[in-house]
Amino acid sequence: MDDKLFADLLASAQEMVQIEKGVQQPAAIRTYERPDTKAIRRNLNMKQDEFAQAIGVSTSLVQSWEQHRRYPDGAPLKLLRLLEKEPEFIRQLQAV
């Protein structure tokens, strides 16, 4: 491993320890809201099974997201965020 890369990694780990101990404040804190799957689906006037088929997941997965037993990640998360901003995109998904 490159010496500079190792030094940066070590410095980051030491900074993490200081933050965990409360000695240092993090430089930035980012929080991301999870998309409200049920609100997105209702905004589209779709039943769970229709919505699931359109976005390519199972109905039980949509139910789990809506009941907060599981949370979308990866491509489904990006797709839900897109549908929040561009609800008309659902028509293109249904056509595929």
C-alpha atoms as a PDB file:
ATOM      1  CA  MET A   1       0.000   0.000   0.000  1.00  0.00           C
ATOM      2  CA  ASP A   2       1.194   3.494  -0.828  1.00  0.00           C
ATOM      3  CA  ASP A   3       2.667   5.298   2.245  1.00  0.00           C
ATOM      4  CA  LYS A   4       0.497   8.391   1.725  1.00  0.00           C
ATOM      5  CA  LEU A   5      -2.640   6.309   1.352  1.00  0.00           C
ATOM      6  CA  PHE A   6      -1.781   4.384   4.522  1.00  0.00           C
ATOM      7  CA  ALA A   7      -1.103   7.627   6.415  1.00  0.00           C
ATOM      8  CA  ASP A   8      -4.472   9.054   5.279  1.00  0.00           C
ATOM      9  CA  LEU A   9      -6.234   5.858   6.313  1.00  0.00           C
ATOM     10  CA  LEU A  10      -4.543   5.875   9.718  1.00  0.00           C
ATOM     11  CA  ALA A  11      -5.388   9.556  10.255  1.00  0.00           C
ATOM     12  CA  SER A  12      -9.036   8.845   9.383  1.00  0.00           C
ATOM     13  CA  ALA A  13      -9.164   5.949  11.842  1.00  0.00           C
ATOM     14  CA  GLN A  14      -7.639   8.124  14.585  1.00  0.00           C
ATOM     15  CA  GLU A  15     -10.147  10.864  13.842  1.00  0.00           C
ATOM     16  CA  MET A  16     -12.974   8.335  14.092  1.00  0.00           C
ATOM     17  CA  VAL A  17     -11.753   7.257  17.537  1.00  0.00           C
ATOM     18  CA  GLN A  18     -11.631  10.883  18.703  1.00  0.00           C
ATOM     19  CA  ILE A  19     -15.169  11.489  17.442  1.00  0.00           C
ATOM     20  CA  GLU A  20     -16.437   8.329  19.158  1.00  0.00           C
ATOM     21  CA  LYS A  21     -14.830   9.420  22.444  1.00  0.00           C
ATOM     22  CA  GLY A  22     -16.481  12.833  22.135  1.00  0.00           C
ATOM     23  CA  VAL A  23     -13.131  14.617  22.012  1.00  0.00           C
ATOM     24  CA  GLN A  24     -13.670  15.913  18.489  1.00  0.00           C
ATOM     25  CA  GLN A  25     -16.734  16.896  16.486  1.00  0.00           C
ATOM     26  CA  PRO A  26     -17.247  15.420  13.013  1.00  0.00           C
ATOM     27  CA  ALA A  27     -16.508  17.786  10.144  1.00  0.00           C
ATOM     28  CA  ALA A  28     -19.895  17.086   8.565  1.00  0.00           C
ATOM     29  CA  ILE A  29     -22.945  15.032   9.380  1.00  0.00           C
ATOM     30  CA  ARG A  30     -25.113  13.875   6.522  1.00  0.00           C
ATOM     31  CA  THR A  31     -28.521  12.398   7.039  1.00  0.00           C
ATOM     32  CA  TYR A  32     -30.752  11.011   4.354  1.00  0.00           C
ATOM     33  CA  GLU A  33     -34.471  10.520   4.690  1.00  0.00           C
ATOM     34  CA  ARG A  34     -35.794   7.208   3.554  1.00  0.00           C
ATOM     35  CA  PRO A  35     -38.405   7.524   0.837  1.00  0.00           C
ATOM     36  CA  ASP A  36     -41.992   6.973   1.960  1.00  0.00           C
ATOM     37  CA  THR A  37     -42.882   4.048  -0.276  1.00  0.00           C
ATOM     38  CA  LYS A  38     -46.549   4.093   0.673  1.00  0.00           C
ATOM     39  CA  ALA A  39     -46.886   7.826  -0.070  1.00  0.00           C
ATOM     40  CA  ILE A  40     -45.144   7.400  -3.428  1.00  0.00           C
ATOM     41  CA  ARG A  41     -47.415   4.488  -4.363  1.00  0.00           C
ATOM     42  CA  ARG A  42     -50.570   6.298  -3.231  1.00  0.00           C
ATOM     43  CA  ASN A  43     -49.528   9.420  -5.136  1.00  0.00           C
ATOM     44  CA  LEU A  44     -49.398   7.204  -8.219  1.00  0.00           C
ATOM     45  CA  ASN A  45     -52.882   5.800  -7.437  1.00  0.00           C
ATOM     46  CA  MET A  46     -51.589   2.231  -7.585  1.00  0.00           C
ATOM     47  CA  LYS A  47     -52.252  -0.932  -5.630  1.00  0.00           C
ATOM     48  CA  GLN A  48     -49.276  -2.654  -4.027  1.00  0.00           C
ATOM     49  CA  ASP A  49     -49.177  -5.440  -6.602  1.00  0.00           C
ATOM     50  CA  GLU A  50     -49.371  -2.990  -9.531  1.00  0.00           C
ATOM     51  CA  PHE A  51     -46.620  -0.855  -8.043  1.00  0.00           C
ATOM     52  CA  ALA A  52     -44.421  -3.870  -7.320  1.00  0.00           C
ATOM     53  CA  GLN A  53     -44.796  -5.168 -10.869  1.00  0.00           C
ATOM     54  CA  ALA A  54     -44.024  -1.748 -12.346  1.00  0.00           C
ATOM     55  CA  ILE A  55     -40.775  -1.342 -10.406  1.00  0.00           C
ATOM     56  CA  GLY A  56     -39.739  -4.987 -10.702  1.00  0.00           C
ATOM     57  CA  VAL A  57     -39.963  -6.218  -7.112  1.00  0.00           C
ATOM     58  CA  SER A  58     -42.289  -8.549  -5.244  1.00  0.00           C
ATOM     59  CA  THR A  59     -45.483  -7.374  -3.593  1.00  0.00           C
ATOM     60  CA  SER A  60     -44.211  -8.705  -0.271  1.00  0.00           C
ATOM     61  CA  LEU A  61     -41.124  -6.504  -0.583  1.00  0.00           C
ATOM     62  CA  VAL A  62     -43.268  -3.418  -1.168  1.00  0.00           C
ATOM     63  CA  GLN A  63     -45.329  -4.406   1.895  1.00  0.00           C
ATOM     64  CA  SER A  64     -42.148  -4.755   3.951  1.00  0.00           C
ATOM     65  CA  TRP A  65     -40.969  -1.306   2.858  1.00  0.00           C
ATOM     66  CA  GLU A  66     -44.325   0.231   3.702  1.00  0.00           C
ATOM     67  CA  GLN A  67     -44.373  -1.423   7.135  1.00  0.00           C
ATOM     68  CA  HIS A  68     -40.743  -0.389   7.775  1.00  0.00           C
ATOM     69  CA  ARG A  69     -39.631  -3.988   8.265  1.00  0.00           C
ATOM     70  CA  ARG A  70     -37.130  -3.563   5.430  1.00  0.00           C
ATOM     71  CA  TYR A  71     -35.694  -0.547   3.688  1.00  0.00           C
ATOM     72  CA  PRO A  72     -34.982  -0.085  -0.010  1.00  0.00           C
ATOM     73  CA  ASP A  73     -31.372   0.176  -1.078  1.00  0.00           C
ATOM     74  CA  GLY A  74     -29.372   0.137  -4.283  1.00  0.00           C
ATOM     75  CA  ALA A  75     -31.296   0.451  -7.534  1.00  0.00           C
ATOM     76  CA  PRO A  76     -34.775   0.262  -5.923  1.00  0.00           C
ATOM     77  CA  LEU A  77     -33.853   3.171  -3.624  1.00  0.00           C
ATOM     78  CA  LYS A  78     -32.757   5.275  -6.590  1.00  0.00           C
ATOM     79  CA  LEU A  79     -35.911   4.326  -8.462  1.00  0.00           C
ATOM     80  CA  LEU A  80     -38.128   5.378  -5.538  1.00  0.00           C
ATOM     81  CA  ARG A  81     -36.308   8.703  -5.267  1.00  0.00           C
ATOM     82  CA  LEU A  82     -36.816   9.226  -9.007  1.00  0.00           C
ATOM     83  CA  LEU A  83     -40.537   8.456  -8.678  1.00  0.00           C
ATOM     84  CA  GLU A  84     -40.801  10.973  -5.824  1.00  0.00           C
ATOM     85  CA  LYS A  85     -39.496  13.701  -8.120  1.00  0.00           C
ATOM     86  CA  GLU A  86     -40.870  12.478 -11.445  1.00  0.00           C
ATOM     87  CA  PRO A  87     -44.093  10.514 -10.824  1.00  0.00           C
ATOM     88  CA  GLU A  88     -44.908  10.371 -14.546  1.00  0.00           C
ATOM     89  CA  PHE A  89     -41.878   8.086 -14.972  1.00  0.00           C
ATOM     90  CA  ILE A  90     -44.067   5.216 -13.715  1.00  0.00           C
ATOM     91  CA  ARG A  91     -45.760   5.078 -17.129  1.00  0.00           C
ATOM     92  CA  GLN A  92     -42.445   4.291 -18.810  1.00  0.00           C
ATOM     93  CA  LEU A  93     -41.743   1.588 -16.241  1.00  0.00           C
ATOM     94  CA  GLN A  94     -45.133   0.026 -16.847  1.00  0.00           C
ATOM     95  CA  ALA A  95     -44.430  -0.089 -20.577  1.00  0.00           C
ATOM     96  CA  VAL A  96     -41.279  -2.155 -20.137  1.00  0.00           C
END
